PDB file of N, CA and C in Angstrom:
ATOM      1  N   MET A   1     -14.262   2.903  -6.856  1.00  0.00           N
ATOM      2  CA  MET A   1     -13.061   2.201  -6.481  1.00  0.00           C
ATOM      3  C   MET A   1     -13.135   1.858  -5.008  1.00  0.00           C
ATOM      4  N   GLY A   2     -12.737   0.663  -4.646  1.00  0.00           N
ATOM      5  CA  GLY A   2     -12.831   0.210  -3.271  1.00  0.00           C
ATOM      6  C   GLY A   2     -11.655   0.643  -2.422  1.00  0.00           C
ATOM      7  N   PHE A   3     -11.827   0.483  -1.120  1.00  0.00           N
ATOM      8  CA  PHE A   3     -10.758   0.793  -0.191  1.00  0.00           C
ATOM      9  C   PHE A   3      -9.883  -0.433  -0.014  1.00  0.00           C
ATOM     10  N   THR A   4      -8.576  -0.227   0.193  1.00  0.00           N
ATOM     11  CA  THR A   4      -7.661  -1.359   0.289  1.00  0.00           C
ATOM     12  C   THR A   4      -7.548  -1.934   1.687  1.00  0.00           C
ATOM     13  N   LYS A   5      -8.017  -1.206   2.700  1.00  0.00           N
ATOM     14  CA  LYS A   5      -7.919  -1.657   4.086  1.00  0.00           C
ATOM     15  C   LYS A   5      -6.475  -1.973   4.464  1.00  0.00           C
ATOM     16  N   LYS A   6      -5.579  -1.053   4.142  1.00  0.00           N
ATOM     17  CA  LYS A   6      -4.150  -1.246   4.397  1.00  0.00           C
ATOM     18  C   LYS A   6      -3.847  -1.571   5.848  1.00  0.00           C
ATOM     19  N   HIS A   7      -4.692  -1.123   6.739  1.00  0.00           N
ATOM     20  CA  HIS A   7      -4.447  -1.323   8.166  1.00  0.00           C
ATOM     21  C   HIS A   7      -4.491  -2.796   8.588  1.00  0.00           C
ATOM     22  N   ILE A   8      -5.093  -3.657   7.797  1.00  0.00           N
ATOM     23  CA  ILE A   8      -5.151  -5.075   8.183  1.00  0.00           C
ATOM     24  C   ILE A   8      -3.929  -5.856   7.699  1.00  0.00           C
ATOM     25  N   PHE A   9      -3.039  -5.182   6.953  1.00  0.00           N
ATOM     26  CA  PHE A   9      -1.826  -5.830   6.462  1.00  0.00           C
ATOM     27  C   PHE A   9      -0.623  -5.260   7.188  1.00  0.00           C
ATOM     28  N   ASP A  10       0.453  -6.060   7.282  1.00  0.00           N
ATOM     29  CA  ASP A  10       1.632  -5.560   7.986  1.00  0.00           C
ATOM     30  C   ASP A  10       2.423  -4.589   7.100  1.00  0.00           C
ATOM     31  N   ALA A  11       3.396  -3.939   7.712  1.00  0.00           N
ATOM     32  CA  ALA A  11       4.174  -2.899   7.018  1.00  0.00           C
ATOM     33  C   ALA A  11       4.891  -3.450   5.787  1.00  0.00           C
ATOM     34  N   GLN A  12       5.436  -4.656   5.901  1.00  0.00           N
ATOM     35  CA  GLN A  12       6.145  -5.245   4.767  1.00  0.00           C
ATOM     36  C   GLN A  12       5.189  -5.524   3.606  1.00  0.00           C
ATOM     37  N   GLN A  13       4.029  -6.049   3.895  1.00  0.00           N
ATOM     38  CA  GLN A  13       3.050  -6.327   2.841  1.00  0.00           C
ATOM     39  C   GLN A  13       2.628  -5.042   2.135  1.00  0.00           C
ATOM     40  N   ASN A  14       2.412  -3.981   2.905  1.00  0.00           N
ATOM     41  CA  ASN A  14       2.045  -2.699   2.312  1.00  0.00           C
ATOM     42  C   ASN A  14       3.195  -2.112   1.497  1.00  0.00           C
ATOM     43  N   GLN A  15       4.413  -2.289   1.976  1.00  0.00           N
ATOM     44  CA  GLN A  15       5.575  -1.780   1.244  1.00  0.00           C
ATOM     45  C   GLN A  15       5.759  -2.527  -0.078  1.00  0.00           C
ATOM     46  N   ILE A  16       5.632  -3.835  -0.057  1.00  0.00           N
ATOM     47  CA  ILE A  16       5.730  -4.636  -1.286  1.00  0.00           C
ATOM     48  C   ILE A  16       4.652  -4.202  -2.275  1.00  0.00           C
ATOM     49  N   ALA A  17       3.430  -4.016  -1.783  1.00  0.00           N
ATOM     50  CA  ALA A  17       2.332  -3.592  -2.657  1.00  0.00           C
ATOM     51  C   ALA A  17       2.607  -2.214  -3.258  1.00  0.00           C
ATOM     52  N   SER A  18       3.169  -1.320  -2.472  1.00  0.00           N
ATOM     53  CA  SER A  18       3.483   0.023  -2.966  1.00  0.00           C
ATOM     54  C   SER A  18       4.538  -0.023  -4.061  1.00  0.00           C
ATOM     55  N   PHE A  19       5.607  -0.788  -3.834  1.00  0.00           N
ATOM     56  CA  PHE A  19       6.665  -0.907  -4.837  1.00  0.00           C
ATOM     57  C   PHE A  19       6.164  -1.566  -6.114  1.00  0.00           C
ATOM     58  N   THR A  20       5.388  -2.635  -5.968  1.00  0.00           N
ATOM     59  CA  THR A  20       4.921  -3.327  -7.171  1.00  0.00           C
ATOM     60  C   THR A  20       3.874  -2.519  -7.920  1.00  0.00           C
ATOM     61  N   LYS A  21       3.087  -1.726  -7.202  1.00  0.00           N
ATOM     62  CA  LYS A  21       2.141  -0.823  -7.878  1.00  0.00           C
ATOM     63  C   LYS A  21       2.919   0.190  -8.708  1.00  0.00           C
ATOM     64  N   MET A  22       3.985   0.727  -8.124  1.00  0.00           N
ATOM     65  CA  MET A  22       4.808   1.693  -8.826  1.00  0.00           C
ATOM     66  C   MET A  22       5.411   1.080 -10.087  1.00  0.00           C
ATOM     67  N   LEU A  23       5.820  -0.160 -10.015  1.00  0.00           N
ATOM     68  CA  LEU A  23       6.423  -0.840 -11.164  1.00  0.00           C
ATOM     69  C   LEU A  23       5.386  -1.462 -12.087  1.00  0.00           C
ATOM     70  N   GLY A  24       4.111  -1.347 -11.728  1.00  0.00           N
ATOM     71  CA  GLY A  24       3.042  -2.031 -12.440  1.00  0.00           C
ATOM     72  C   GLY A  24       2.561  -1.361 -13.712  1.00  0.00           C
ATOM     73  N   HIS A  25       3.226  -0.321 -14.155  1.00  0.00           N
ATOM     74  CA  HIS A  25       2.829   0.337 -15.398  1.00  0.00           C
ATOM     75  C   HIS A  25       4.088   0.515 -16.262  1.00  0.00           C
ATOM     76  N   PRO A  26       4.013   0.134 -17.532  1.00  0.00           N
ATOM     77  CA  PRO A  26       5.215   0.225 -18.375  1.00  0.00           C
ATOM     78  C   PRO A  26       5.744   1.644 -18.534  1.00  0.00           C
ATOM     79  N   ALA A  27       4.888   2.648 -18.448  1.00  0.00           N
ATOM     80  CA  ALA A  27       5.373   4.036 -18.551  1.00  0.00           C
ATOM     81  C   ALA A  27       6.264   4.370 -17.355  1.00  0.00           C
ATOM     82  N   ARG A  28       5.887   3.912 -16.157  1.00  0.00           N
ATOM     83  CA  ARG A  28       6.709   4.187 -14.977  1.00  0.00           C
ATOM     84  C   ARG A  28       8.025   3.430 -15.051  1.00  0.00           C
ATOM     85  N   VAL A  29       7.992   2.209 -15.550  1.00  0.00           N
ATOM     86  CA  VAL A  29       9.237   1.452 -15.738  1.00  0.00           C
ATOM     87  C   VAL A  29      10.140   2.203 -16.709  1.00  0.00           C
ATOM     88  N   SER A  30       9.570   2.694 -17.800  1.00  0.00           N
ATOM     89  CA  SER A  30      10.334   3.444 -18.794  1.00  0.00           C
ATOM     90  C   SER A  30      10.914   4.726 -18.203  1.00  0.00           C
ATOM     91  N   ILE A  31      10.132   5.427 -17.419  1.00  0.00           N
ATOM     92  CA  ILE A  31      10.602   6.657 -16.774  1.00  0.00           C
ATOM     93  C   ILE A  31      11.771   6.363 -15.851  1.00  0.00           C
ATOM     94  N   ILE A  32      11.647   5.340 -15.035  1.00  0.00           N
ATOM     95  CA  ILE A  32      12.722   4.973 -14.109  1.00  0.00           C
ATOM     96  C   ILE A  32      13.982   4.595 -14.888  1.00  0.00           C
ATOM     97  N   GLN A  33      13.816   3.806 -15.936  1.00  0.00           N
ATOM     98  CA  GLN A  33      14.970   3.424 -16.743  1.00  0.00           C
ATOM     99  C   GLN A  33      15.635   4.647 -17.366  1.00  0.00           C
ATOM    100  N   HIS A  34      14.838   5.557 -17.902  1.00  0.00           N
ATOM    101  CA  HIS A  34      15.395   6.744 -18.544  1.00  0.00           C
ATOM    102  C   HIS A  34      16.142   7.612 -17.529  1.00  0.00           C
ATOM    103  N   ILE A  35      15.552   7.821 -16.369  1.00  0.00           N
ATOM    104  CA  ILE A  35      16.206   8.636 -15.344  1.00  0.00           C
ATOM    105  C   ILE A  35      17.499   7.971 -14.880  1.00  0.00           C
ATOM    106  N   SER A  36      17.491   6.651 -14.755  1.00  0.00           N
ATOM    107  CA  SER A  36      18.699   5.961 -14.301  1.00  0.00           C
ATOM    108  C   SER A  36      19.832   6.073 -15.322  1.00  0.00           C
ATOM    109  N   GLN A  37      19.487   6.179 -16.599  1.00  0.00           N
ATOM    110  CA  GLN A  37      20.497   6.279 -17.661  1.00  0.00           C
ATOM    111  C   GLN A  37      20.893   7.722 -17.954  1.00  0.00           C
ATOM    112  N   ASN A  38      20.048   8.673 -17.586  1.00  0.00           N
ATOM    113  CA  ASN A  38      20.261  10.097 -17.881  1.00  0.00           C
ATOM    114  C   ASN A  38      20.006  10.905 -16.625  1.00  0.00           C
ATOM    115  N   LYS A  39      21.013  11.054 -15.816  1.00  0.00           N
ATOM    116  CA  LYS A  39      20.839  11.729 -14.532  1.00  0.00           C
ATOM    117  C   LYS A  39      20.274  13.134 -14.704  1.00  0.00           C
ATOM    118  N   ASN A  40      19.502  13.529 -13.726  1.00  0.00           N
ATOM    119  CA  ASN A  40      18.913  14.864 -13.669  1.00  0.00           C
ATOM    120  C   ASN A  40      18.039  15.192 -14.879  1.00  0.00           C
ATOM    121  N   CYS A  41      17.014  14.377 -15.075  1.00  0.00           N
ATOM    122  CA  CYS A  41      16.013  14.622 -16.123  1.00  0.00           C
ATOM    123  C   CYS A  41      14.913  15.506 -15.566  1.00  0.00           C
ATOM    124  N   ASN A  42      14.365  16.353 -16.417  1.00  0.00           N
ATOM    125  CA  ASN A  42      13.168  17.076 -16.017  1.00  0.00           C
ATOM    126  C   ASN A  42      11.984  16.510 -16.796  1.00  0.00           C
ATOM    127  N   CYS A  43      10.812  16.997 -16.502  1.00  0.00           N
ATOM    128  CA  CYS A  43       9.595  16.467 -17.111  1.00  0.00           C
ATOM    129  C   CYS A  43       9.622  16.614 -18.629  1.00  0.00           C
ATOM    130  N   ASN A  44      10.087  17.761 -19.121  1.00  0.00           N
ATOM    131  CA  ASN A  44      10.131  17.989 -20.568  1.00  0.00           C
ATOM    132  C   ASN A  44      11.056  17.000 -21.275  1.00  0.00           C
ATOM    133  N   THR A  45      12.177  16.678 -20.652  1.00  0.00           N
ATOM    134  CA  THR A  45      13.100  15.684 -21.206  1.00  0.00           C
ATOM    135  C   THR A  45      12.416  14.329 -21.304  1.00  0.00           C
ATOM    136  N   LEU A  46      11.659  13.983 -20.266  1.00  0.00           N
ATOM    137  CA  LEU A  46      10.958  12.698 -20.251  1.00  0.00           C
ATOM    138  C   LEU A  46       9.843  12.667 -21.295  1.00  0.00           C
ATOM    139  N   VAL A  47       9.154  13.775 -21.487  1.00  0.00           N
ATOM    140  CA  VAL A  47       8.102  13.850 -22.514  1.00  0.00           C
ATOM    141  C   VAL A  47       8.699  13.543 -23.882  1.00  0.00           C
ATOM    142  N   LYS A  48       9.827  14.184 -24.193  1.00  0.00           N
ATOM    143  CA  LYS A  48      10.484  13.971 -25.485  1.00  0.00           C
ATOM    144  C   LYS A  48      11.005  12.547 -25.626  1.00  0.00           C
ATOM    145  N   ALA A  49      11.580  12.001 -24.576  1.00  0.00           N
ATOM    146  CA  ALA A  49      12.191  10.674 -24.641  1.00  0.00           C
ATOM    147  C   ALA A  49      11.160   9.554 -24.697  1.00  0.00           C
ATOM    148  N   ILE A  50      10.065   9.706 -23.971  1.00  0.00           N
ATOM    149  CA  ILE A  50       9.102   8.609 -23.826  1.00  0.00           C
ATOM    150  C   ILE A  50       7.926   8.762 -24.781  1.00  0.00           C
ATOM    151  N   GLY A  51       7.559  10.001 -25.093  1.00  0.00           N
ATOM    152  CA  GLY A  51       6.501  10.218 -26.071  1.00  0.00           C
ATOM    153  C   GLY A  51       5.105  10.311 -25.505  1.00  0.00           C
ATOM    154  N   LEU A  52       5.005  10.478 -24.197  1.00  0.00           N
ATOM    155  CA  LEU A  52       3.698  10.675 -23.570  1.00  0.00           C
ATOM    156  C   LEU A  52       3.505  12.160 -23.287  1.00  0.00           C
ATOM    157  N   ALA A  53       2.262  12.567 -23.103  1.00  0.00           N
ATOM    158  CA  ALA A  53       1.948  13.970 -22.823  1.00  0.00           C
ATOM    159  C   ALA A  53       2.508  14.385 -21.461  1.00  0.00           C
ATOM    160  N   GLN A  54       2.762  15.657 -21.322  1.00  0.00           N
ATOM    161  CA  GLN A  54       3.334  16.184 -20.081  1.00  0.00           C
ATOM    162  C   GLN A  54       2.472  15.876 -18.850  1.00  0.00           C
ATOM    163  N   PRO A  55       1.137  16.060 -18.913  1.00  0.00           N
ATOM    164  CA  PRO A  55       0.336  15.723 -17.722  1.00  0.00           C
ATOM    165  C   PRO A  55       0.431  14.231 -17.346  1.00  0.00           C
ATOM    166  N   THR A  56       0.549  13.381 -18.355  1.00  0.00           N
ATOM    167  CA  THR A  56       0.665  11.941 -18.102  1.00  0.00           C
ATOM    168  C   THR A  56       1.994  11.631 -17.419  1.00  0.00           C
ATOM    169  N   ILE A  57       3.072  12.211 -17.939  1.00  0.00           N
ATOM    170  CA  ILE A  57       4.394  12.017 -17.323  1.00  0.00           C
ATOM    171  C   ILE A  57       4.368  12.527 -15.883  1.00  0.00           C
ATOM    172  N   SER A  58       3.772  13.676 -15.660  1.00  0.00           N
ATOM    173  CA  SER A  58       3.687  14.243 -14.304  1.00  0.00           C
ATOM    174  C   SER A  58       2.944  13.319 -13.350  1.00  0.00           C
ATOM    175  N   GLN A  59       1.850  12.723 -13.810  1.00  0.00           N
ATOM    176  CA  GLN A  59       1.103  11.785 -12.962  1.00  0.00           C
ATOM    177  C   GLN A  59       1.947  10.560 -12.623  1.00  0.00           C
ATOM    178  N   HIS A  60       2.673  10.040 -13.611  1.00  0.00           N
ATOM    179  CA  HIS A  60       3.525   8.874 -13.352  1.00  0.00           C
ATOM    180  C   HIS A  60       4.679   9.238 -12.416  1.00  0.00           C
ATOM    181  N   LEU A  61       5.253  10.421 -12.603  1.00  0.00           N
ATOM    182  CA  LEU A  61       6.309  10.869 -11.697  1.00  0.00           C
ATOM    183  C   LEU A  61       5.797  10.953 -10.259  1.00  0.00           C
ATOM    184  N   ALA A  62       4.573  11.407 -10.091  1.00  0.00           N
ATOM    185  CA  ALA A  62       3.973  11.496  -8.747  1.00  0.00           C
ATOM    186  C   ALA A  62       3.862  10.110  -8.115  1.00  0.00           C
ATOM    187  N   GLU A  63       3.443   9.125  -8.892  1.00  0.00           N
ATOM    188  CA  GLU A  63       3.353   7.748  -8.374  1.00  0.00           C
ATOM    189  C   GLU A  63       4.729   7.229  -7.959  1.00  0.00           C
ATOM    190  N   ILE A  64       5.739   7.512  -8.768  1.00  0.00           N
ATOM    191  CA  ILE A  64       7.092   7.060  -8.434  1.00  0.00           C
ATOM    192  C   ILE A  64       7.605   7.802  -7.207  1.00  0.00           C
ATOM    193  N   ARG A  65       7.366   9.108  -7.141  1.00  0.00           N
ATOM    194  CA  ARG A  65       7.801   9.901  -5.988  1.00  0.00           C
ATOM    195  C   ARG A  65       7.159   9.413  -4.702  1.00  0.00           C
ATOM    196  N   ASN A  66       5.919   8.933  -4.772  1.00  0.00           N
ATOM    197  CA  ASN A  66       5.228   8.445  -3.567  1.00  0.00           C
ATOM    198  C   ASN A  66       5.977   7.323  -2.876  1.00  0.00           C
ATOM    199  N   THR A  67       6.756   6.562  -3.613  1.00  0.00           N
ATOM    200  CA  THR A  67       7.544   5.489  -3.009  1.00  0.00           C
ATOM    201  C   THR A  67       8.889   5.984  -2.493  1.00  0.00           C
ATOM    202  N   GLY A  68       9.249   7.229  -2.831  1.00  0.00           N
ATOM    203  CA  GLY A  68      10.525   7.783  -2.389  1.00  0.00           C
ATOM    204  C   GLY A  68      11.692   7.445  -3.294  1.00  0.00           C
ATOM    205  N   LEU A  69      11.420   6.815  -4.434  1.00  0.00           N
ATOM    206  CA  LEU A  69      12.497   6.360  -5.314  1.00  0.00           C
ATOM    207  C   LEU A  69      13.210   7.502  -6.030  1.00  0.00           C
ATOM    208  N   LEU A  70      12.562   8.662  -6.140  1.00  0.00           N
ATOM    209  CA  LEU A  70      13.165   9.775  -6.871  1.00  0.00           C
ATOM    210  C   LEU A  70      13.619  10.879  -5.933  1.00  0.00           C
ATOM    211  N   LYS A  71      14.765  11.448  -6.271  1.00  0.00           N
ATOM    212  CA  LYS A  71      15.225  12.673  -5.630  1.00  0.00           C
ATOM    213  C   LYS A  71      14.862  13.821  -6.563  1.00  0.00           C
ATOM    214  N   GLN A  72      14.527  14.956  -5.990  1.00  0.00           N
ATOM    215  CA  GLN A  72      14.183  16.140  -6.779  1.00  0.00           C
ATOM    216  C   GLN A  72      15.184  17.243  -6.487  1.00  0.00           C
ATOM    217  N   THR A  73      15.608  17.920  -7.540  1.00  0.00           N
ATOM    218  CA  THR A  73      16.475  19.083  -7.410  1.00  0.00           C
ATOM    219  C   THR A  73      15.823  20.222  -8.176  1.00  0.00           C
ATOM    220  N   VAL A  74      15.731  21.390  -7.543  1.00  0.00           N
ATOM    221  CA  VAL A  74      15.147  22.553  -8.194  1.00  0.00           C
ATOM    222  C   VAL A  74      16.266  23.379  -8.805  1.00  0.00           C
ATOM    223  N   LYS A  75      16.106  23.642 -10.105  1.00  0.00           N
ATOM    224  CA  LYS A  75      17.036  24.531 -10.810  1.00  0.00           C
ATOM    225  C   LYS A  75      16.187  25.528 -11.573  1.00  0.00           C
ATOM    226  N   GLY A  76      16.181  26.769 -11.088  1.00  0.00           N
ATOM    227  CA  GLY A  76      15.309  27.777 -11.685  1.00  0.00           C
ATOM    228  C   GLY A  76      13.861  27.412 -11.424  1.00  0.00           C
ATOM    229  N   LYS A  77      13.091  27.303 -12.506  1.00  0.00           N
ATOM    230  CA  LYS A  77      11.680  26.929 -12.390  1.00  0.00           C
ATOM    231  C   LYS A  77      11.452  25.444 -12.641  1.00  0.00           C
ATOM    232  N   ASN A  78      12.513  24.696 -12.869  1.00  0.00           N
ATOM    233  CA  ASN A  78      12.379  23.282 -13.234  1.00  0.00           C
ATOM    234  C   ASN A  78      12.762  22.347 -12.097  1.00  0.00           C
ATOM    235  N   LEU A  79      12.077  21.225 -12.065  1.00  0.00           N
ATOM    236  CA  LEU A  79      12.425  20.130 -11.160  1.00  0.00           C
ATOM    237  C   LEU A  79      13.194  19.091 -11.964  1.00  0.00           C
ATOM    238  N   PHE A  80      14.313  18.660 -11.429  1.00  0.00           N
ATOM    239  CA  PHE A  80      15.102  17.612 -12.063  1.00  0.00           C
ATOM    240  C   PHE A  80      15.094  16.394 -11.155  1.00  0.00           C
ATOM    241  N   TYR A  81      15.023  15.230 -11.776  1.00  0.00           N
ATOM    242  CA  TYR A  81      14.873  13.984 -11.029  1.00  0.00           C
ATOM    243  C   TYR A  81      16.093  13.096 -11.194  1.00  0.00           C
ATOM    244  N   SER A  82      16.418  12.392 -10.119  1.00  0.00           N
ATOM    245  CA  SER A  82      17.445  11.358 -10.146  1.00  0.00           C
ATOM    246  C   SER A  82      16.977  10.235  -9.226  1.00  0.00           C
ATOM    247  N   ILE A  83      17.608   9.085  -9.359  1.00  0.00           N
ATOM    248  CA  ILE A  83      17.239   7.917  -8.548  1.00  0.00           C
ATOM    249  C   ILE A  83      17.875   8.033  -7.168  1.00  0.00           C
ATOM    250  N   ASP A  84      17.088   7.807  -6.142  1.00  0.00           N
ATOM    251  CA  ASP A  84      17.601   7.746  -4.773  1.00  0.00           C
ATOM    252  C   ASP A  84      18.169   6.340  -4.572  1.00  0.00           C
ATOM    253  N   GLN A  85      19.481   6.244  -4.558  1.00  0.00           N
ATOM    254  CA  GLN A  85      20.138   4.936  -4.502  1.00  0.00           C
ATOM    255  C   GLN A  85      19.801   4.163  -3.233  1.00  0.00           C
ATOM    256  N   ASP A  86      19.679   4.851  -2.117  1.00  0.00           N
ATOM    257  CA  ASP A  86      19.331   4.166  -0.864  1.00  0.00           C
ATOM    258  C   ASP A  86      17.943   3.551  -0.950  1.00  0.00           C
ATOM    259  N   LYS A  87      16.990   4.303  -1.504  1.00  0.00           N
ATOM    260  CA  LYS A  87      15.620   3.794  -1.637  1.00  0.00           C
ATOM    261  C   LYS A  87      15.569   2.666  -2.667  1.00  0.00           C
ATOM    262  N   LEU A  88      16.349   2.794  -3.742  1.00  0.00           N
ATOM    263  CA  LEU A  88      16.417   1.729  -4.745  1.00  0.00           C
ATOM    264  C   LEU A  88      16.922   0.430  -4.118  1.00  0.00           C
ATOM    265  N   ASN A  89      17.965   0.526  -3.307  1.00  0.00           N
ATOM    266  CA  ASN A  89      18.491  -0.663  -2.629  1.00  0.00           C
ATOM    267  C   ASN A  89      17.476  -1.239  -1.652  1.00  0.00           C
ATOM    268  N   ALA A  90      16.759  -0.377  -0.943  1.00  0.00           N
ATOM    269  CA  ALA A  90      15.731  -0.853  -0.009  1.00  0.00           C
ATOM    270  C   ALA A  90      14.620  -1.569  -0.760  1.00  0.00           C
ATOM    271  N   CYS A  91      14.193  -1.010  -1.873  1.00  0.00           N
ATOM    272  CA  CYS A  91      13.151  -1.621  -2.708  1.00  0.00           C
ATOM    273  C   CYS A  91      13.604  -2.990  -3.193  1.00  0.00           C
ATOM    274  N   ARG A  92      14.819  -3.043  -3.684  1.00  0.00           N
ATOM    275  CA  ARG A  92      15.367  -4.306  -4.194  1.00  0.00           C
ATOM    276  C   ARG A  92      15.429  -5.359  -3.088  1.00  0.00           C
ATOM    277  N   ARG A  93      15.864  -4.959  -1.900  1.00  0.00           N
ATOM    278  CA  ARG A  93      15.959  -5.910  -0.788  1.00  0.00           C
ATOM    279  C   ARG A  93      14.585  -6.434  -0.375  1.00  0.00           C
ATOM    280  N   VAL A  94      13.615  -5.538  -0.265  1.00  0.00           N
ATOM    281  CA  VAL A  94      12.264  -5.934   0.155  1.00  0.00           C
ATOM    282  C   VAL A  94      11.665  -6.913  -0.853  1.00  0.00           C
ATOM    283  N   LEU A  95      11.761  -6.593  -2.131  1.00  0.00           N
ATOM    284  CA  LEU A  95      11.199  -7.479  -3.161  1.00  0.00           C
ATOM    285  C   LEU A  95      11.961  -8.793  -3.243  1.00  0.00           C
ATOM    286  N   ASN A  96      13.288  -8.725  -3.141  1.00  0.00           N
ATOM    287  CA  ASN A  96      14.087  -9.950  -3.192  1.00  0.00           C
ATOM    288  C   ASN A  96      13.761 -10.857  -2.006  1.00  0.00           C
ATOM    289  N   ASP A  97      13.669 -10.275  -0.813  1.00  0.00           N
ATOM    290  CA  ASP A  97      13.329 -11.071   0.377  1.00  0.00           C
ATOM    291  C   ASP A  97      11.974 -11.744   0.217  1.00  0.00           C
ATOM    292  N   PHE A  98      11.011 -11.016  -0.333  1.00  0.00           N
ATOM    293  CA  PHE A  98       9.683 -11.576  -0.548  1.00  0.00           C
ATOM    294  C   PHE A  98       9.757 -12.797  -1.463  1.00  0.00           C
ATOM    295  N   PHE A  99      10.455 -12.673  -2.589  1.00  0.00           N
ATOM    296  CA  PHE A  99      10.529 -13.784  -3.534  1.00  0.00           C
ATOM    297  C   PHE A  99      11.341 -14.950  -2.993  1.00  0.00           C
ATOM    298  N   VAL A 100      12.414 -14.660  -2.287  1.00  0.00           N
ATOM    299  CA  VAL A 100      13.227 -15.742  -1.710  1.00  0.00           C
ATOM    300  C   VAL A 100      12.417 -16.509  -0.670  1.00  0.00           C
ATOM    301  N   LYS A 101      11.746 -15.788   0.227  1.00  0.00           N
ATOM    302  CA  LYS A 101      10.946 -16.460   1.266  1.00  0.00           C
ATOM    303  C   LYS A 101       9.781 -17.238   0.652  1.00  0.00           C
ATOM    304  N   THR A 102       9.163 -16.675  -0.369  1.00  0.00           N
ATOM    305  CA  THR A 102       8.065 -17.367  -1.042  1.00  0.00           C
ATOM    306  C   THR A 102       8.569 -18.638  -1.712  1.00  0.00           C
ATOM    307  N   GLN A 103       9.719 -18.568  -2.333  1.00  0.00           N
ATOM    308  CA  GLN A 103      10.308 -19.741  -2.981  1.00  0.00           C
ATOM    309  C   GLN A 103      10.660 -20.810  -1.962  1.00  0.00           C
ATOM    310  N   ILE A 104      11.267 -20.414  -0.867  1.00  0.00           N
ATOM    311  CA  ILE A 104      11.639 -21.369   0.173  1.00  0.00           C
ATOM    312  C   ILE A 104      10.394 -22.024   0.756  1.00  0.00           C
ATOM    313  N   ASN A 105       9.375 -21.214   1.079  1.00  0.00           N
ATOM    314  CA  ASN A 105       8.156 -21.750   1.666  1.00  0.00           C
ATOM    315  C   ASN A 105       7.411 -22.682   0.714  1.00  0.00           C
ATOM    316  N   SER A 106       7.433 -22.376  -0.569  1.00  0.00           N
ATOM    317  CA  SER A 106       6.677 -23.195  -1.518  1.00  0.00           C
ATOM    318  C   SER A 106       7.394 -24.487  -1.880  1.00  0.00           C
ATOM    319  N   SER A 107       8.681 -24.580  -1.546  1.00  0.00           N
ATOM    320  CA  SER A 107       9.399 -25.812  -1.889  1.00  0.00           C
ATOM    321  C   SER A 107       9.514 -26.766  -0.706  1.00  0.00           C
ATOM    322  N   LYS A 108       8.840 -26.437   0.398  1.00  0.00           N
ATOM    323  CA  LYS A 108       8.872 -27.323   1.591  1.00  0.00           C
ATOM    324  C   LYS A 108       7.926 -28.477   1.396  1.00  0.00           C
TER     325      LYS A 108
END
């Protein structure tokens, strides 16, 4: 696998790439949707709801957590996840700005 050379791109470009990578797999989209509809899900709940193996769900959760979109709460030995609304709004703004600017620039 090659290196991405993130240092040659600006912060916004890297942020857009990070968000779209996170959304680039249907399992992660499904996980985000499930968590948004069922607050405070743990990994076992997601395994049952989505139908993927626990290690697979854990790997996808790690990818989503890397963007900061999930909040974690520890209850006993379990981690429960919820959507970080501030990060969700930031993600939405960054992606929306990208598409709006691209649309404006391409219609000149």
